[in-house]
Protein backbone atom coordinates (compact mmCIF):
# COMPACT_ATOMS: atom_id res chain seq x y z
CA UNK A 1 -111.30 1.61 -80.76
CA UNK A 2 -112.85 -0.26 -83.70
CA UNK A 3 -114.87 -3.40 -83.02
CA UNK A 4 -115.28 -6.22 -85.57
CA UNK A 5 -118.86 -7.30 -86.35
CA UNK A 6 -119.33 -10.73 -87.90
CA UNK A 7 -122.45 -12.09 -89.64
CA UNK A 8 -123.24 -15.75 -90.29
CA UNK A 9 -125.81 -17.80 -92.24
CA UNK A 10 -129.11 -15.84 -92.75
CA UNK A 11 -127.64 -12.68 -91.21
CA UNK A 12 -124.71 -12.73 -93.61
CA UNK A 13 -127.06 -13.16 -96.58
CA UNK A 14 -129.26 -10.24 -95.47
CA UNK A 15 -126.39 -7.93 -94.56
CA UNK A 16 -124.58 -8.73 -97.83
CA UNK A 17 -121.21 -8.87 -96.03
CA UNK A 18 -119.39 -11.32 -93.83
CA UNK A 19 -118.01 -8.64 -91.52
CA UNK A 20 -117.75 -4.91 -90.83
CA UNK A 21 -115.99 -2.64 -88.36
CA UNK A 22 -117.43 0.23 -86.34
CA UNK A 23 -116.77 2.30 -83.33
CA UNK A 24 -118.97 1.12 -80.42
CA UNK A 25 -119.34 3.75 -77.67
CA UNK A 26 -118.73 2.63 -74.04
CA UNK A 27 -121.89 1.28 -72.43
CA UNK A 28 -123.49 0.17 -75.71
CA UNK A 29 -125.68 -2.89 -75.24
CA UNK A 30 -126.21 -5.74 -77.67
CA UNK A 31 -129.73 -4.48 -78.26
CA UNK A 32 -128.48 -0.98 -79.08
CA UNK A 33 -125.88 -2.40 -81.50
CA UNK A 34 -128.63 -4.37 -83.23
CA UNK A 35 -130.54 -1.07 -83.78
CA UNK A 36 -127.43 0.52 -85.31
CA UNK A 37 -126.91 -2.40 -87.63
CA UNK A 38 -130.49 -2.25 -88.83
CA UNK A 39 -129.91 1.41 -89.74
CA UNK A 40 -126.72 0.54 -91.57
CA UNK A 41 -127.95 -2.60 -93.31
CA UNK A 42 -131.59 -2.05 -94.43
CA UNK A 43 -132.21 -5.75 -95.09
CA UNK A 44 -131.59 -6.57 -91.41
CA UNK A 45 -135.04 -5.94 -89.94
CA UNK A 46 -136.18 -6.18 -86.34
CA UNK A 47 -137.98 -9.46 -86.83
CA UNK A 48 -134.72 -11.05 -87.91
CA UNK A 49 -132.48 -9.35 -85.35
CA UNK A 50 -134.73 -10.05 -82.38
CA UNK A 51 -134.61 -13.74 -83.19
CA UNK A 52 -130.86 -13.95 -83.72
CA UNK A 53 -128.16 -14.86 -81.23
CA UNK A 54 -125.19 -12.70 -80.33
CA UNK A 55 -121.77 -13.53 -79.05
CA UNK A 56 -119.15 -11.12 -77.63
CA UNK A 57 -115.56 -12.38 -77.74
CA UNK A 58 -116.98 -15.83 -78.48
CA UNK A 59 -119.31 -16.04 -75.49
CA UNK A 60 -123.13 -15.87 -75.79
CA UNK A 61 -124.57 -12.58 -74.61
CA UNK A 62 -128.12 -11.24 -74.04
CA UNK A 63 -129.61 -8.04 -75.45
CA UNK A 64 -129.09 -6.14 -72.17
CA UNK A 65 -125.38 -6.97 -71.89
CA UNK A 66 -122.84 -4.21 -72.53
CA UNK A 67 -120.14 -4.63 -75.19
CA UNK A 68 -116.53 -3.83 -74.13
CA UNK A 69 -114.32 -1.69 -76.29
CA UNK A 70 -112.67 -3.46 -79.19
CA UNK A 71 -114.73 -6.61 -78.79
CA UNK A 72 -115.46 -9.09 -81.57
CA UNK A 73 -119.21 -9.35 -81.88
CA UNK A 74 -121.00 -12.00 -83.94
CA UNK A 75 -124.65 -12.35 -84.92
CA UNK A 76 -126.20 -15.56 -86.14
CA UNK A 77 -129.45 -17.60 -86.06
CA UNK A 78 -129.92 -20.40 -83.49
CA UNK A 79 -127.56 -23.20 -84.46
CA UNK A 80 -128.88 -26.02 -86.67
CA UNK A 81 -126.66 -27.13 -86.07
CA UNK A 82 -108.42 -30.93 -81.41
CA UNK A 83 -106.62 -31.36 -78.69
CA UNK A 84 -105.62 -34.15 -76.43
CA UNK A 85 -103.84 -35.06 -73.23
CA UNK A 86 -102.15 -38.33 -72.30
CA UNK A 87 -104.80 -39.30 -69.73
CA UNK A 88 -108.07 -38.39 -71.37
CA UNK A 89 -107.85 -38.18 -75.18
CA UNK A 90 -109.99 -35.44 -76.67
CA UNK A 91 -110.56 -34.38 -80.29
CA UNK A 92 -112.66 -31.36 -81.20
CA UNK A 93 -112.55 -30.16 -84.79
CA UNK A 94 -114.32 -28.17 -87.50
CA UNK A 95 -113.02 -29.51 -90.79
CA UNK A 96 -113.65 -29.54 -94.54
CA UNK A 97 -111.94 -32.95 -94.77
CA UNK A 98 -113.69 -36.33 -94.90
CA UNK A 99 -114.42 -37.79 -91.43
CA UNK A 100 -112.17 -40.77 -90.85
CA UNK A 101 -114.02 -42.86 -88.30
CA UNK A 102 -111.25 -45.44 -87.83
CA UNK A 103 -108.54 -42.83 -87.25
CA UNK A 104 -110.76 -40.93 -84.73
CA UNK A 105 -111.72 -44.07 -82.88
CA UNK A 106 -108.06 -45.12 -82.61
CA UNK A 107 -107.14 -41.68 -81.27
CA UNK A 108 -109.60 -41.91 -78.34
CA UNK A 109 -109.01 -45.58 -77.45
CA UNK A 110 -106.90 -46.52 -74.44
CA UNK A 111 -105.58 -49.90 -73.38
CA UNK A 112 -108.39 -49.98 -70.81
CA UNK A 113 -111.10 -49.20 -73.34
CA UNK A 114 -113.68 -51.92 -73.90
CA UNK A 115 -116.59 -50.01 -75.41
CA UNK A 116 -117.29 -47.14 -77.79
CA UNK A 117 -120.57 -45.35 -78.56
CA UNK A 118 -120.53 -43.51 -81.86
CA UNK A 119 -123.08 -41.24 -83.49
CA UNK A 120 -122.65 -40.11 -87.10
CA UNK A 121 -125.08 -37.77 -88.80
CA UNK A 122 -125.22 -37.67 -92.56
CA UNK A 123 -126.89 -35.80 -95.40
CA UNK A 124 -130.36 -37.19 -96.08
CA UNK A 125 -131.36 -37.11 -99.73
CA UNK A 126 -135.05 -37.81 -99.12
CA UNK A 127 -137.07 -36.68 -96.11
CA UNK A 128 -140.40 -38.33 -95.49
CA UNK A 129 -141.15 -37.07 -91.95
CA UNK A 130 -142.86 -33.75 -91.18
CA UNK A 131 -142.18 -31.85 -94.41
CA UNK A 132 -141.45 -34.45 -97.12
CA UNK A 133 -138.87 -33.15 -99.64
CA UNK A 134 -135.66 -33.99 -101.50
CA UNK A 135 -132.24 -32.53 -100.85
CA UNK A 136 -129.60 -32.05 -103.53
CA UNK A 137 -126.90 -30.94 -101.03
CA UNK A 138 -126.28 -29.14 -97.77
CA UNK A 139 -123.94 -26.18 -97.37
CA UNK A 140 -122.46 -26.09 -93.83
CA UNK A 141 -120.71 -23.08 -92.33
CA UNK A 142 -119.38 -22.35 -88.84
CA UNK A 143 -117.98 -19.60 -86.62
CA UNK A 144 -114.94 -21.82 -86.24
CA UNK A 145 -113.00 -20.44 -83.25
CA UNK A 146 -116.14 -20.18 -81.14
CA UNK A 147 -117.45 -23.55 -82.40
CA UNK A 148 -114.30 -25.43 -81.38
CA UNK A 149 -114.34 -23.70 -77.99
CA UNK A 150 -117.97 -24.75 -77.49
CA UNK A 151 -117.11 -28.32 -78.58
CA UNK A 152 -114.55 -28.39 -75.76
CA UNK A 153 -117.28 -27.09 -73.41
CA UNK A 154 -119.55 -29.97 -74.51
CA UNK A 155 -116.74 -32.44 -73.81
CA UNK A 156 -116.20 -30.96 -70.39
CA UNK A 157 -119.94 -31.29 -69.63
CA UNK A 158 -119.86 -34.94 -70.74
CA UNK A 159 -116.98 -35.69 -68.41
CA UNK A 160 -118.62 -33.92 -65.51
CA UNK A 161 -121.73 -36.11 -65.94
CA UNK A 162 -120.01 -39.35 -66.94
CA UNK A 163 -116.54 -39.39 -65.30
CA UNK A 164 -115.96 -42.96 -66.53
CA UNK A 165 -115.77 -41.74 -70.16
CA UNK A 166 -112.18 -42.20 -71.30
CA UNK A 167 -112.02 -40.57 -74.74
CA UNK A 168 -114.18 -38.06 -76.64
CA UNK A 169 -114.24 -37.07 -80.27
CA UNK A 170 -116.46 -34.26 -81.56
CA UNK A 171 -116.01 -33.45 -85.24
CA UNK A 172 -118.20 -31.31 -87.55
CA UNK A 173 -117.61 -31.19 -91.29
CA UNK A 174 -118.35 -27.96 -93.19
CA UNK A 175 -118.65 -27.05 -96.88
CA UNK A 176 -120.87 -28.51 -99.56
CA UNK A 177 -121.94 -32.01 -98.63
CA UNK A 178 -124.06 -34.38 -100.71
CA UNK A 179 -126.50 -37.16 -99.70
CA UNK A 180 -125.00 -40.14 -97.84
CA UNK A 181 -122.05 -38.04 -96.72
CA UNK A 182 -121.20 -38.03 -92.97
CA UNK A 183 -121.51 -34.51 -91.58
CA UNK A 184 -120.85 -34.87 -87.83
CA UNK A 185 -119.40 -37.42 -85.43
CA UNK A 186 -119.69 -37.79 -81.64
CA UNK A 187 -117.72 -40.68 -80.15
CA UNK A 188 -117.23 -41.63 -76.50
CA UNK A 189 -115.13 -44.51 -75.18
CA UNK A 190 -115.20 -46.23 -71.81
CA UNK A 191 -114.07 -49.42 -70.13
CA UNK A 192 -117.52 -51.05 -70.30
CA UNK A 193 -120.73 -50.55 -72.24
CA UNK A 194 -122.94 -50.29 -69.10
CA UNK A 195 -121.16 -47.23 -67.78
CA UNK A 196 -123.37 -44.64 -69.43
CA UNK A 197 -121.32 -44.31 -72.61
CA UNK A 198 -124.41 -44.50 -74.81
CA UNK A 199 -126.09 -41.67 -72.89
CA UNK A 200 -122.84 -39.63 -73.05
CA UNK A 201 -122.73 -39.83 -76.84
CA UNK A 202 -126.44 -38.93 -77.12
CA UNK A 203 -125.96 -35.98 -74.81
CA UNK A 204 -122.99 -34.86 -76.93
CA UNK A 205 -124.94 -34.63 -80.22
CA UNK A 206 -127.93 -33.02 -78.58
CA UNK A 207 -125.78 -30.40 -76.83
CA UNK A 208 -123.82 -29.78 -80.03
CA UNK A 209 -127.09 -28.90 -81.78
CA UNK A 210 -127.86 -26.37 -79.02
CA UNK A 211 -124.68 -24.33 -78.45
CA UNK A 212 -122.04 -25.00 -81.14
CA UNK A 213 -122.41 -22.34 -83.84
CA UNK A 214 -122.79 -24.35 -87.02
CA UNK A 215 -125.50 -23.78 -89.60
CA UNK A 216 -126.61 -25.50 -92.80
CA UNK A 217 -128.27 -24.28 -95.97
CA UNK A 218 -130.46 -26.93 -97.59
CA UNK A 219 -130.56 -26.87 -101.38
CA UNK A 220 -133.14 -28.93 -103.30
CA UNK A 221 -135.54 -28.87 -106.23
CA UNK A 222 -137.77 -26.53 -104.22
CA UNK A 223 -135.01 -23.93 -103.75
CA UNK A 224 -132.65 -23.20 -100.90
CA UNK A 225 -133.19 -22.32 -97.22
CA UNK A 226 -131.11 -21.88 -94.11
CA UNK A 227 -132.15 -24.44 -91.50
CA UNK A 228 -132.35 -22.77 -88.06
CA UNK A 229 -132.96 -24.14 -84.58
CA UNK A 230 -135.06 -22.81 -81.78
CA UNK A 231 -132.76 -23.12 -78.70
CA UNK A 232 -131.48 -19.86 -77.32
CA UNK A 233 -128.40 -20.35 -75.09
CA UNK A 234 -128.31 -18.39 -71.89
CA UNK A 235 -125.53 -15.73 -71.55
CA UNK A 236 -122.27 -17.44 -70.76
CA UNK A 237 -123.61 -20.91 -71.66
């Protein structure tokens, strides 16, 4: 049975393709598949593949994990980086459309809501901290089905820690985005401001940067570069 192999961000650039298919023998581990891919795609070296993350059927997996027959396997660097019910409104979305703050806030507001904590990240045209530089635009891409599933996981983690949170919106915009453009939004609503709603929103954006597979390529006068994180999720995280 053929398995589909997906490449994202730096891995896609090096492989020269977005996806390929191959027969994966029973008992093959993620590590062994990496070795096969290096043979097939010469620009994928061990230094790159050892650092990258792997998912099998949209769940993070370690090098020693075996790959089931017919699985969808994805390789990508550490991330840079909707649905609802009538009781607890939830929106999770990867979109190319402009982020509409008012519409999202309205969708997660109940009659009992008295507070909302909102974080919005945006493209920074000039960076003065650490490595000062200018940015012309950012190019965002995502492993969409897995990303939206992981957004739902982040929302579940928020609710488990802050049960008083009423509504949650987690939205990531992808595509080419220019300075001063909102790229991501995390919003949490609750009855009162002193219920932990600020901490819940902060946790949401930090967790998104850890486990939701979204990457950005930064393009500026100095050239272009994929921006990668350092966090390696544990298998099943």
